[in-house]
Structure formats: structure tokens, C-alpha cells
Amino acid sequence: MFVQSEKVAPEPRTGAITSHDPPHKTPLLKSFNSSFSESLSNIAKTTTQTLKESKFFARFELYGTAIVSIVDMATDVMMITLYYRGNESGFALASLLCVSLNLFFQTFAVYVLNMNLGWKVQLRELLLVWTLIKPGVDAYRVATEAPMEAGRKIKKHEEMTLFRVVEMIFEAVPGAAIQSYAIFFSTKFRTSAAFLALLSSIGAAAFLSALMSYDYDTSADGRRVRPQFYGYIPASKRLKVLCFSSLFFISAFNLAVRILACFLLSSDMTILVSVVASELALYFSYKLWRRDWTYWTPFNGVVGALVTLLCRLCIKLLADWCAIVQFRHPNEVGGAYFSFSFVLTIALGMVSVYVYDDEGGESGVGKNLDKDTVMIVMGSACLGLILSFGALAMTMKRKYVSTFLSLQTSNSYCQQCFTERSDDEGRFAIFDFNEAKWKEDIGVDVSIWVTERLPVWLEEIQCCAGTFWLTHQKLSQIPEWVVEDQSLICTT
């Protein structure tokens, strides 16, 4: 009587799984698998491209830095020979002294940094210095993240910076100054060879300056830990090249303006000495006024005072003469003061042309060097400096422009490394800084944090020896006053 109606299966929705379809062939999972595969493919391509770019820039730094150092040294030797032949032994001895000081301090640094690693490592590093390829090898080690040998006193990045600073302070910058003075002093050194040597010295200083800023900004650790400061160089390869070129020309034109200005003012040594002394006095007073004089490195007492004075002096001189963009860092010159020095350099260049005496004055510097020619050269250098800085501002990420105007102190920066981090490894970096930068303001908070976390760390060290971020060497960085029960650290 009743006819059982057939059950009609409802039409499956798009993406629904039916009993007739294998799970991996349903529309929804097909779409997911396709998107997932595409994502993996994009990640693989991006990773491969990043690795290729990393290797490319690593090779570029290795060969570029080595070539620049060798060419700069070769031109220095060439000019020393020409000075002796031209009966200008003063210029020759001054140039020879710069080369000798550069090699001496690099050799001394190699000895200090590798004194616990054995004579074979020391000999290897010394050969890198004496063959003039040490800066290039250091750059390659950093770019390829080469493993750090146990027993080294400082990180690879810090070692690379140290040797570059030594080369710039003792050879590249003073070498360019001596060669410029010789050109201004005597017409017989206004030759193609002399100008080539001068360009080589300026180029070497500018190249090392640009590399220093570029390496710090593209460092993975820097961008991860302090993204507010590091990361202004875009990911695009084209923009990277433009940024690096801008950094290079900023340093080159800035150095050219400074050198020319100083020797135009040297016709009256009183003015020159007053300008240099006033700049240093103003900077030191600024740091003292903001209670930011102590350098960030963890050295105290007499050693700490000497390190502070030496570092403040060297960093200030390099920032003024080479305009190293990295030195706008709060731990160094600071953003606002870096920009102030940049403007001061241009003003100094213009004023020096105004007061220049093309008769050479009492010193004879620049005699027979036409004032109109000097004006054109200085104007071109200042214009090149402004355009280079503008090119950097146009190619860099916009949010980092404010770092050039920042008034943040080193004390504030060091404390933020603790207060703005929540992970133990990141907060522990507070012990990399001098206590004077943070003890008064957050010392109690640091002590409470260490006291609470220390038992956990000690357990992790026992369980995960060799893989845990905290090592016995790092534990030794904790000052005694931070932990009341020092036996906890001593027993480890």
C-alpha cells in the first residue's frame, strides 16, 4: 500500500567530502593542497634567493674589501716613493708612519684577541693582516655566519668593526689628508698619480664606512633584537645596491669636504685649531650634559675611563670625517647629533672657501690655487654630499628616517634592551653593557629577575648542556651584587 520512496542524496556542497572521493581529491582539500604547495614553493624560492644574495654579498665583501685594502696600500707605497724622490721626506715619513701604525695596531689586536687560541690560529690571523686581506675575510665570516671558535674574546661582527676602524683611523683617513696637503702645498705633486692615490684613499675609507653601516643594518640578530633601529635597507636587490651606493658617496663626499675645508683653513692655523677643538669640546659637553658620557662597553675603573675617552674620541672623529651612518646609534654619537654634524660639515665647507687666501698666507698652503677653482670643487663636493644623503632618504624605509633625529641616550637604549624584552635570552643582554648605563634606574628589577630565574637556568644547563642559550661564560657576566647567594653561580 505504501510505496517506499527512494532517498535522493543531496547534492554535495562545493568542497564537501563524499564517500566516493579520496580525501586528497576533494575540492576543498585540492584547493588547500594547491595553496599549501604554492606557499612552500614560494618559501623555497625566497629562501634560495636570500641564500644566493647572502653568498653574493659575502663574496662581494670578501673580494671588494681585500682589493680596496691592497690598492690603498699600493698607492700609499707609490706616494711614499714619489715624496722621497721629490725631496719631501716629511710627507714620506708621515705616510710611512700611517701604514706602520695600521699594521702595528692590527697585529697587536690579533695577538690580544687570539692569545688563548694557540700559535697556529695567531699565525693564521697574522698572515691575513700582513697580506692585507684581513678585512675581507672578516666580512666573509660574518656574512656566511661562520662558526665562532671557542675562546675568542669578542664576536665576529665586533672583530670586523674593530679592524675596519683601525684601518680607517690610522691609514685611510690620515693618508687622504697627507696626500691632500701635499697637493695643496706644492704644485709638483699635482699629478695624475697623486690624484689617483688621493681618490684611492678616499674610496677606501668610504667603502669601509659603507660596509660597516650596511653589515650592521642587514644583520639578522640586529633586526630581530632591535627592529626599531635596524632594517632601513629594503629587501629588494636593486634598492640594496642604491642604499649601499648612497652610503658610499655620503662618506666619500663628506671626507672630501672635511679634508678640503681643513686645508683651506690651515692658512691660518689659529682658526683651524679653534674649529677642531670647538667641535670636540661641544660634543664632549653634550654627552656630559645628558649624563651619557660613559661608553657602553662593560669596563670599569681606570680601564673603563680610558676606554670611554678613546672610544668617544675615535667615534666622534670618524663620524665627523666619514659620516658613518651606523654611528647615529644611541650608543655612539646619537641620531640628532649625527645630523647636526652633517649640517656642520657643509657649513664648514662654505665658510672655509670664504676665508681662504689664495696667496697661501703665512703657511703657503694652497698658493697659486685659484679661488674660483676651489669654490667650484667645494661646491661640487657639498652638492654631492646633499644629493647622496637625499638618495639614501628616498631609498630607505620611511619609518627609519626618524632615527636620524632621535634624541635617545645610550642609557635609555641599554635599559630598553631589558625592559622591552620578555624572553630571558634577550633580557640577559643587559649584562653586555656597562653597569653605569642601567644600575641606578633598573638595577633592582634586574636583581629580582635574576634571583627568580637563576634556579630554572641552572636546571636547564644541567639538562640541556651544549644546547641551552646560557653558558658558564655568560653566567660569569653577572655582577656579584645582582645575586645575593654567589654560591649558586660558583658551584656551576
Protein backbone atom coordinates (compact mmCIF):
# COMPACT_ATOMS: atom_id res chain seq x y z
CA MET A 1 0.00 0.00 0.00
CA PHE A 2 2.69 2.37 0.82
CA VAL A 3 5.43 2.67 -1.70
CA GLN A 4 8.82 3.36 -0.11
CA SER A 5 10.19 6.38 -1.79
CA GLU A 6 13.81 6.42 -2.91
CA LYS A 7 16.14 8.53 -0.87
CA VAL A 8 17.81 11.01 -3.04
CA ALA A 9 21.24 12.03 -1.79
CA PRO A 10 21.58 15.77 -1.52
CA GLU A 11 23.96 17.42 -3.96
CA PRO A 12 27.28 17.80 -2.28
CA ARG A 13 28.36 21.33 -1.43
CA THR A 14 31.46 22.73 -3.00
CA GLY A 15 34.38 21.48 -1.07
CA ALA A 16 32.38 18.79 0.81
CA ILE A 17 33.88 15.34 1.30
CA THR A 18 31.87 12.43 -0.13
CA SER A 19 32.37 8.73 0.33
CA HIS A 20 33.20 8.39 -3.34
CA ASP A 21 36.11 10.81 -3.31
CA PRO A 22 39.51 10.00 -1.87
CA PRO A 23 40.31 12.54 0.83
CA HIS A 24 43.14 14.13 -1.14
CA LYS A 25 40.89 14.68 -4.20
CA THR A 26 38.05 16.66 -2.62
CA PRO A 27 37.69 20.20 -3.98
CA LEU A 28 38.36 21.81 -0.58
CA LEU A 29 41.48 19.80 0.10
CA LYS A 30 42.57 20.19 -3.51
CA SER A 31 42.45 23.92 -3.01
CA PHE A 32 44.25 23.63 0.32
CA ASN A 33 46.91 21.34 -1.09
CA SER A 34 47.39 23.66 -4.03
CA SER A 35 47.72 26.74 -1.78
CA PHE A 36 49.99 24.89 0.63
CA SER A 37 52.21 23.64 -2.17
CA GLU A 38 52.34 27.12 -3.67
CA SER A 39 53.28 28.57 -0.27
CA LEU A 40 56.03 26.01 0.19
CA SER A 41 57.27 26.74 -3.30
CA ASN A 42 57.31 30.49 -2.60
CA ILE A 43 59.12 29.95 0.69
CA ALA A 44 61.67 27.72 -1.02
CA LYS A 45 62.20 30.29 -3.78
CA THR A 46 62.52 33.13 -1.27
CA THR A 47 64.93 31.14 0.88
CA THR A 48 67.01 30.14 -2.14
CA GLN A 49 67.07 33.72 -3.39
CA THR A 50 68.05 35.01 0.06
CA LEU A 51 70.86 32.48 0.31
CA LYS A 52 72.08 33.39 -3.17
CA GLU A 53 72.03 37.10 -2.30
CA SER A 54 73.78 36.39 1.00
CA LYS A 55 76.52 34.45 -0.77
CA PHE A 56 76.78 37.13 -3.45
CA PHE A 57 77.24 39.93 -0.92
CA ALA A 58 79.61 37.74 1.10
CA ARG A 59 81.84 37.27 -1.95
CA PHE A 60 81.43 40.96 -2.81
CA GLU A 61 82.64 41.95 0.66
CA LEU A 62 85.48 39.41 0.64
CA TYR A 63 86.94 40.41 -2.70
CA GLY A 64 85.91 44.07 -2.55
CA THR A 65 87.41 44.74 0.87
CA ALA A 66 90.60 42.84 0.04
CA ILE A 67 91.05 44.68 -3.27
CA VAL A 68 90.38 48.07 -1.69
CA SER A 69 92.88 47.44 1.12
CA ILE A 70 95.57 46.21 -1.27
CA VAL A 71 95.08 49.06 -3.76
CA ASP A 72 95.09 51.64 -0.95
CA MET A 73 98.32 50.22 0.46
CA ALA A 74 99.90 50.08 -3.01
CA THR A 75 99.08 53.72 -3.75
CA ASP A 76 100.43 54.72 -0.33
CA VAL A 77 103.73 53.00 -1.11
CA MET A 78 103.78 54.67 -4.52
CA MET A 79 103.31 58.12 -2.97
CA ILE A 80 105.95 57.46 -0.30
CA THR A 81 108.41 56.73 -3.14
CA LEU A 82 107.39 59.89 -5.02
CA TYR A 83 107.73 62.01 -1.89
CA TYR A 84 111.29 60.75 -1.31
CA ARG A 85 112.21 61.37 -4.95
CA GLY A 86 110.72 64.85 -4.72
CA ASN A 87 112.83 65.68 -1.64
CA GLU A 88 109.72 65.87 0.55
CA SER A 89 110.81 63.48 3.28
CA GLY A 90 108.26 64.95 5.71
CA PHE A 91 105.32 63.71 3.62
CA ALA A 92 107.08 60.37 3.08
CA LEU A 93 107.74 59.80 6.77
CA ALA A 94 104.18 60.82 7.69
CA SER A 95 102.71 58.37 5.15
CA LEU A 96 105.08 55.61 6.25
CA LEU A 97 104.07 56.22 9.87
CA CYS A 98 100.37 55.80 8.99
CA VAL A 99 100.99 52.48 7.22
CA SER A 100 103.18 51.24 10.07
CA LEU A 101 100.67 52.23 12.76
CA ASN A 102 97.87 50.48 10.89
CA LEU A 103 99.81 47.21 10.64
CA PHE A 104 101.10 47.52 14.22
CA PHE A 105 97.69 48.00 15.83
CA GLN A 106 96.11 45.28 13.70
CA THR A 107 98.93 42.91 14.71
CA PHE A 108 98.51 43.87 18.36
CA ALA A 109 94.74 43.30 18.12
CA VAL A 110 95.29 39.85 16.60
CA TYR A 111 97.59 38.93 19.49
CA VAL A 112 95.15 40.11 22.18
CA LEU A 113 92.06 38.55 20.60
CA ASN A 114 93.67 35.17 19.91
CA MET A 115 96.10 34.79 22.80
CA ASN A 116 94.14 31.83 24.20
CA LEU A 117 93.74 30.01 20.87
CA GLY A 118 97.28 28.81 20.24
CA TRP A 119 100.12 29.88 17.97
CA LYS A 120 98.64 28.30 14.82
CA VAL A 121 95.50 30.45 15.00
CA GLN A 122 97.58 33.53 15.79
CA LEU A 123 99.88 32.86 12.83
CA ARG A 124 96.90 32.35 10.51
CA GLU A 125 95.33 35.64 11.58
CA LEU A 126 98.66 37.48 11.37
CA LEU A 127 99.13 36.30 7.80
CA LEU A 128 95.68 37.70 6.97
CA VAL A 129 96.78 41.06 8.36
CA TRP A 130 100.17 41.14 6.64
CA THR A 131 98.71 40.08 3.28
CA LEU A 132 96.12 42.90 3.64
CA ILE A 133 93.06 40.62 3.30
CA LYS A 134 92.01 40.53 6.97
CA PRO A 135 89.07 42.98 6.49
CA GLY A 136 87.75 40.94 3.56
CA VAL A 137 87.99 37.61 5.40
CA ASP A 138 86.25 39.10 8.45
CA ALA A 139 83.41 40.32 6.24
CA TYR A 140 83.08 36.88 4.64
CA ARG A 141 82.97 35.19 8.05
CA VAL A 142 80.17 37.45 9.22
CA ALA A 143 78.14 37.24 6.00
CA THR A 144 78.32 33.42 5.88
CA GLU A 145 77.74 33.09 9.66
CA ALA A 146 80.90 31.05 10.06
CA PRO A 147 81.08 29.25 13.44
CA MET A 148 82.91 31.15 16.15
CA GLU A 149 85.98 29.48 17.61
CA ALA A 150 85.79 28.76 21.33
CA GLY A 151 87.94 31.10 23.38
CA ARG A 152 87.52 34.21 21.22
CA LYS A 153 87.11 37.34 23.34
CA ILE A 154 84.68 39.22 21.09
CA LYS A 155 82.07 38.34 18.47
CA LYS A 156 82.91 38.14 14.76
CA HIS A 157 80.91 41.27 13.99
CA GLU A 158 82.70 43.25 16.68
CA GLU A 159 86.09 41.98 15.48
CA MET A 160 85.31 43.03 11.92
CA THR A 161 84.31 46.51 13.10
CA LEU A 162 87.46 46.82 15.22
CA PHE A 163 89.82 46.11 12.32
CA ARG A 164 87.93 48.41 9.95
CA VAL A 165 88.05 51.25 12.46
CA VAL A 166 91.80 50.72 12.95
CA GLU A 167 92.41 50.84 9.19
CA MET A 168 90.34 54.00 8.74
CA ILE A 169 91.82 55.85 11.73
CA PHE A 170 95.48 55.03 11.12
CA GLU A 171 95.72 54.71 7.33
CA ALA A 172 92.78 55.59 5.08
CA VAL A 173 91.71 58.94 6.58
CA PRO A 174 95.16 60.32 7.55
CA GLY A 175 96.57 59.01 4.26
CA ALA A 176 93.99 61.01 2.35
CA ALA A 177 94.75 64.07 4.50
CA ILE A 178 98.52 63.84 3.88
CA GLN A 179 98.08 63.40 0.14
CA SER A 180 95.68 66.36 0.01
CA TYR A 181 98.09 68.54 1.95
CA ALA A 182 100.89 67.62 -0.45
CA ILE A 183 98.72 68.62 -3.42
CA PHE A 184 97.79 71.93 -1.85
CA PHE A 185 101.30 72.59 -0.59
CA SER A 186 103.24 72.03 -3.78
CA THR A 187 102.44 72.21 -7.47
CA LYS A 188 104.89 69.40 -8.28
CA PHE A 189 102.53 66.90 -6.59
CA ARG A 190 99.50 67.97 -8.62
CA THR A 191 99.95 64.99 -10.93
CA SER A 192 97.70 62.20 -12.15
CA ALA A 193 99.43 59.73 -9.82
CA ALA A 194 98.87 61.98 -6.80
CA PHE A 195 95.19 62.49 -7.58
CA LEU A 196 94.79 58.74 -8.18
CA ALA A 197 96.31 58.00 -4.78
CA LEU A 198 94.04 60.58 -3.15
CA LEU A 199 90.94 59.06 -4.75
CA SER A 200 92.12 55.62 -3.64
CA SER A 201 92.43 56.70 -0.01
CA ILE A 202 89.05 58.46 -0.01
CA GLY A 203 87.47 55.48 -1.77
CA ALA A 204 88.95 53.01 0.73
CA ALA A 205 87.63 54.98 3.70
CA ALA A 206 84.21 55.40 2.06
CA PHE A 207 83.98 51.71 1.12
CA LEU A 208 84.81 50.54 4.64
CA SER A 209 82.38 53.08 6.10
CA ALA A 210 79.56 51.95 3.82
CA LEU A 211 80.23 48.29 4.55
CA MET A 212 80.14 48.90 8.29
CA SER A 213 76.71 50.55 8.13
CA TYR A 214 75.39 48.01 5.62
CA ASP A 215 76.55 44.98 7.61
CA TYR A 216 75.09 46.19 10.88
CA ASP A 217 71.72 47.04 9.34
CA THR A 218 71.34 43.75 7.44
CA SER A 219 72.44 41.65 10.42
CA ALA A 220 69.72 39.11 11.29
CA ASP A 221 70.45 39.45 15.01
CA GLY A 222 70.24 43.23 14.90
CA ARG A 223 66.93 43.24 13.06
CA ARG A 224 65.50 40.60 15.39
CA VAL A 225 66.58 42.24 18.65
CA ARG A 226 66.26 45.96 17.74
CA PRO A 227 63.88 46.28 14.77
CA GLN A 228 63.21 49.91 15.74
CA PHE A 229 66.75 50.83 14.68
CA TYR A 230 67.94 48.16 12.25
CA GLY A 231 66.15 47.43 8.98
CA TYR A 232 66.25 50.65 6.97
CA ILE A 233 67.79 48.88 3.95
CA PRO A 234 64.96 47.35 1.84
CA ALA A 235 64.85 43.69 0.76
CA SER A 236 64.92 44.49 -2.97
CA LYS A 237 68.33 43.80 -4.51
CA ARG A 238 68.09 46.96 -6.62
CA LEU A 239 67.29 49.11 -3.59
CA LYS A 240 70.06 47.42 -1.63
CA VAL A 241 72.55 48.46 -4.29
CA LEU A 242 71.17 52.00 -4.27
CA CYS A 243 71.37 52.20 -0.48
CA PHE A 244 74.93 50.91 -0.44
CA SER A 245 75.93 53.35 -3.18
CA SER A 246 74.35 56.20 -1.21
CA LEU A 247 76.25 55.17 1.94
CA PHE A 248 79.48 55.07 -0.08
CA PHE A 249 79.05 58.51 -1.66
CA ILE A 250 77.92 60.08 1.63
CA SER A 251 81.21 59.02 3.21
CA ALA A 252 83.30 59.91 0.16
CA PHE A 253 81.88 63.42 -0.30
CA ASN A 254 81.85 64.08 3.45
CA LEU A 255 85.53 63.14 3.72
CA ALA A 256 86.36 65.26 0.68
CA VAL A 257 84.58 68.31 2.16
CA ARG A 258 86.27 67.87 5.54
CA ILE A 259 89.76 67.46 4.08
CA LEU A 260 89.41 70.41 1.74
CA ALA A 261 87.91 72.62 4.44
CA CYS A 262 90.68 71.85 6.93
CA PHE A 263 93.45 72.68 4.48
CA LEU A 264 91.76 75.83 3.28
CA LEU A 265 91.56 76.93 6.91
CA SER A 266 95.16 75.88 7.59
CA SER A 267 96.40 79.12 6.02
CA ASP A 268 95.60 80.44 9.50
CA MET A 269 96.37 77.64 11.96
CA THR A 270 94.66 79.50 14.80
CA ILE A 271 91.32 79.24 13.03
CA LEU A 272 91.83 75.54 12.19
CA VAL A 273 92.81 74.55 15.72
CA SER A 274 89.94 76.56 17.17
CA VAL A 275 87.39 74.86 14.87
CA VAL A 276 88.59 71.31 15.64
CA ALA A 277 88.86 71.97 19.39
CA SER A 278 85.43 73.61 19.50
CA GLU A 279 83.80 70.64 17.77
CA LEU A 280 85.29 68.17 20.23
CA ALA A 281 84.52 70.37 23.25
CA LEU A 282 80.90 70.81 22.13
CA TYR A 283 80.42 67.07 21.65
CA PHE A 284 82.01 66.12 24.97
CA SER A 285 79.95 68.78 26.77
CA TYR A 286 76.79 67.47 25.11
CA LYS A 287 77.47 63.92 26.31
CA LEU A 288 78.29 65.10 29.84
CA TRP A 289 75.21 67.34 29.98
CA ARG A 290 72.95 64.42 29.06
CA ARG A 291 74.73 62.15 31.56
CA ASP A 292 75.69 59.91 28.66
CA TRP A 293 79.47 60.15 28.78
CA THR A 294 80.37 56.59 29.87
CA TYR A 295 80.83 54.26 26.89
CA TRP A 296 78.59 51.19 26.77
CA THR A 297 81.33 48.55 26.93
CA PRO A 298 81.49 46.67 30.28
CA PHE A 299 84.79 48.11 31.54
CA ASN A 300 85.02 49.90 34.87
CA GLY A 301 87.58 51.84 36.88
CA VAL A 302 90.68 53.31 35.24
CA VAL A 303 90.41 50.94 32.27
CA GLY A 304 86.78 51.95 31.76
CA ALA A 305 87.69 55.65 31.85
CA LEU A 306 90.44 55.18 29.25
CA VAL A 307 88.20 53.07 27.02
CA THR A 308 85.46 55.70 27.24
CA LEU A 309 87.79 58.57 26.34
CA LEU A 310 89.42 56.67 23.47
CA CYS A 311 86.16 55.36 22.02
CA ARG A 312 84.33 58.68 22.31
CA LEU A 313 87.22 60.46 20.57
CA CYS A 314 87.62 57.90 17.76
CA ILE A 315 83.88 57.53 17.11
CA LYS A 316 83.42 61.31 17.04
CA LEU A 317 86.29 61.82 14.58
CA LEU A 318 85.09 59.03 12.26
CA ALA A 319 81.51 60.30 12.41
CA ASP A 320 82.67 63.82 11.52
CA TRP A 321 85.08 62.82 8.76
CA CYS A 322 83.47 59.71 7.24
CA ALA A 323 79.79 60.20 8.16
CA ILE A 324 79.34 56.53 9.05
CA VAL A 325 75.55 56.17 9.24
CA GLN A 326 75.82 53.37 11.82
CA PHE A 327 77.21 55.92 14.27
CA ARG A 328 73.81 57.58 14.59
CA HIS A 329 73.19 54.72 17.03
CA PRO A 330 72.33 55.92 20.58
CA ASN A 331 75.37 54.05 21.91
CA GLU A 332 77.64 56.11 19.64
CA VAL A 333 77.05 59.73 18.54
CA GLY A 334 73.24 59.64 18.50
CA GLY A 335 70.80 60.42 15.70
CA ALA A 336 70.23 64.14 16.28
CA TYR A 337 73.90 64.91 16.86
CA PHE A 338 74.90 62.89 13.79
CA SER A 339 72.58 65.03 11.65
CA PHE A 340 73.90 68.17 13.34
CA SER A 341 77.47 67.16 12.42
CA PHE A 342 76.33 66.53 8.85
CA VAL A 343 74.95 70.08 8.57
CA LEU A 344 78.04 71.46 10.31
CA THR A 345 80.29 69.79 7.72
CA ILE A 346 78.52 71.60 4.87
CA ALA A 347 78.62 74.91 6.76
CA LEU A 348 82.32 74.40 7.49
CA GLY A 349 82.98 73.80 3.80
CA MET A 350 81.25 77.01 2.75
CA VAL A 351 82.96 79.11 5.43
CA SER A 352 86.40 77.71 4.57
CA VAL A 353 86.04 78.87 0.97
CA TYR A 354 85.01 82.32 2.16
CA VAL A 355 88.08 82.78 4.40
CA TYR A 356 90.51 81.09 2.02
CA ASP A 357 93.55 83.12 1.00
CA ASP A 358 94.67 82.06 -2.48
CA GLU A 359 98.06 83.64 -1.82
CA GLY A 360 98.69 80.92 0.74
CA GLY A 361 99.01 83.20 3.77
CA GLU A 362 101.97 82.63 6.06
CA SER A 363 101.90 78.84 5.67
CA GLY A 364 101.97 78.80 1.89
CA VAL A 365 99.20 76.23 1.76
CA GLY A 366 97.25 76.42 -1.47
CA LYS A 367 99.47 79.06 -3.04
CA ASN A 368 98.71 79.54 -6.73
CA LEU A 369 95.49 77.50 -6.31
CA ASP A 370 92.82 79.69 -7.87
CA LYS A 371 89.99 80.63 -5.51
CA ASP A 372 87.34 80.13 -8.20
CA THR A 373 88.59 76.58 -8.74
CA VAL A 374 88.48 75.93 -5.01
CA MET A 375 84.92 77.28 -4.88
CA ILE A 376 83.80 75.01 -7.70
CA VAL A 377 85.41 71.92 -6.12
CA MET A 378 83.96 72.64 -2.69
CA GLY A 379 80.53 73.46 -4.09
CA SER A 380 80.50 70.22 -6.07
CA ALA A 381 81.54 68.19 -3.03
CA CYS A 382 78.86 69.77 -0.82
CA LEU A 383 76.21 69.28 -3.51
CA GLY A 384 77.28 65.65 -3.94
CA LEU A 385 77.01 65.14 -0.17
CA ILE A 386 73.49 66.58 -0.06
CA LEU A 387 72.32 64.57 -3.08
CA SER A 388 73.80 61.35 -1.68
CA PHE A 389 72.02 61.83 1.63
CA GLY A 390 68.80 62.62 -0.24
CA ALA A 391 69.18 59.43 -2.30
CA LEU A 392 69.57 57.40 0.92
CA ALA A 393 66.46 59.03 2.42
CA MET A 394 64.47 58.23 -0.75
CA THR A 395 65.52 54.56 -0.95
CA MET A 396 65.48 53.60 2.73
CA LYS A 397 62.32 52.50 4.57
CA ARG A 398 60.45 55.64 5.63
CA LYS A 399 59.93 54.73 9.29
CA TYR A 400 63.69 54.79 9.91
CA VAL A 401 64.12 58.43 8.88
CA SER A 402 63.27 59.36 12.48
CA THR A 403 66.44 57.59 13.69
CA PHE A 404 68.42 60.48 12.20
CA LEU A 405 66.59 62.89 14.52
CA SER A 406 66.45 60.74 17.64
CA LEU A 407 67.47 62.25 20.98
CA GLN A 408 67.59 58.87 22.74
CA THR A 409 70.60 58.42 25.02
CA SER A 410 72.77 55.36 25.34
CA ASN A 411 71.47 54.86 28.89
CA SER A 412 67.89 54.71 27.65
CA TYR A 413 68.79 52.36 24.80
CA CYS A 414 70.62 49.91 27.07
CA GLN A 415 67.74 49.86 29.55
CA GLN A 416 65.20 49.22 26.80
CA CYS A 417 67.09 46.06 25.88
CA PHE A 418 65.86 44.77 29.25
CA THR A 419 62.53 46.49 29.83
CA GLU A 420 61.10 45.90 26.36
CA ARG A 421 62.03 42.23 26.15
CA SER A 422 60.12 39.39 27.77
CA ASP A 423 62.39 36.45 26.91
CA ASP A 424 65.27 35.52 29.19
CA GLU A 425 67.88 35.36 26.44
CA GLY A 426 67.02 38.84 25.19
CA ARG A 427 66.94 40.35 28.68
CA PHE A 428 70.27 38.79 29.60
CA ALA A 429 71.91 41.08 27.04
CA ILE A 430 71.74 43.82 29.71
CA PHE A 431 74.99 42.37 31.10
CA ASP A 432 76.77 43.20 27.84
CA PHE A 433 76.52 46.87 28.80
CA ASN A 434 78.37 48.93 31.36
CA GLU A 435 76.61 48.94 34.76
CA ALA A 436 76.68 52.73 34.79
CA LYS A 437 74.15 52.71 31.95
CA TRP A 438 71.43 50.86 33.88
CA LYS A 439 72.23 50.06 37.53
CA GLU A 440 70.79 53.23 39.06
CA ASP A 441 67.46 53.04 37.19
CA ILE A 442 66.64 49.35 36.79
CA GLY A 443 69.29 47.57 38.89
CA VAL A 444 66.73 46.38 41.47
CA ASP A 445 64.47 44.98 38.72
CA VAL A 446 67.39 43.14 37.15
CA SER A 447 68.39 41.65 40.52
CA ILE A 448 64.84 40.43 41.23
CA TRP A 449 64.56 38.89 37.75
CA VAL A 450 67.89 37.05 38.02
CA THR A 451 67.07 35.79 41.52
CA GLU A 452 63.75 34.35 40.31
CA ARG A 453 65.08 32.81 37.09
CA LEU A 454 68.51 31.58 38.17
CA PRO A 455 67.33 28.22 39.65
CA VAL A 456 65.47 27.49 36.40
CA TRP A 457 68.51 28.35 34.32
CA LEU A 458 70.77 26.10 36.38
CA GLU A 459 68.40 23.17 35.87
CA GLU A 460 68.28 23.83 32.13
CA ILE A 461 72.07 23.98 31.96
CA GLN A 462 72.29 20.55 33.60
CA CYS A 463 69.59 19.03 31.37
CA CYS A 464 70.49 20.66 28.07
CA ALA A 465 74.24 21.13 28.29
CA GLY A 466 75.60 22.40 24.99
CA THR A 467 72.23 23.42 23.57
CA PHE A 468 70.89 25.87 26.16
CA TRP A 469 71.43 29.56 25.34
CA LEU A 470 73.01 30.25 28.74
CA THR A 471 76.60 29.12 29.18
CA HIS A 472 79.03 29.21 32.09
CA GLN A 473 80.88 32.02 30.35
CA LYS A 474 77.68 34.09 30.22
CA LEU A 475 76.95 33.34 33.88
CA SER A 476 80.29 34.91 34.76
CA GLN A 477 79.00 38.19 33.32
CA ILE A 478 76.51 38.59 36.20
CA PRO A 479 77.88 41.12 38.72
CA GLU A 480 78.21 39.94 42.31
CA TRP A 481 75.72 42.48 43.68
CA VAL A 482 72.94 41.12 41.44
CA VAL A 483 72.88 37.66 43.12
CA GLU A 484 72.96 37.51 46.89
CA ASP A 485 73.88 33.82 47.04
CA GLN A 486 77.04 33.70 44.93
CA SER A 487 77.49 30.02 45.75
CA LEU A 488 74.78 29.25 43.19
CA ILE A 489 76.96 30.60 40.38
CA CYS A 490 80.24 29.37 41.83
CA THR A 491 79.00 25.79 42.06
CA THR A 492 78.17 25.76 38.36
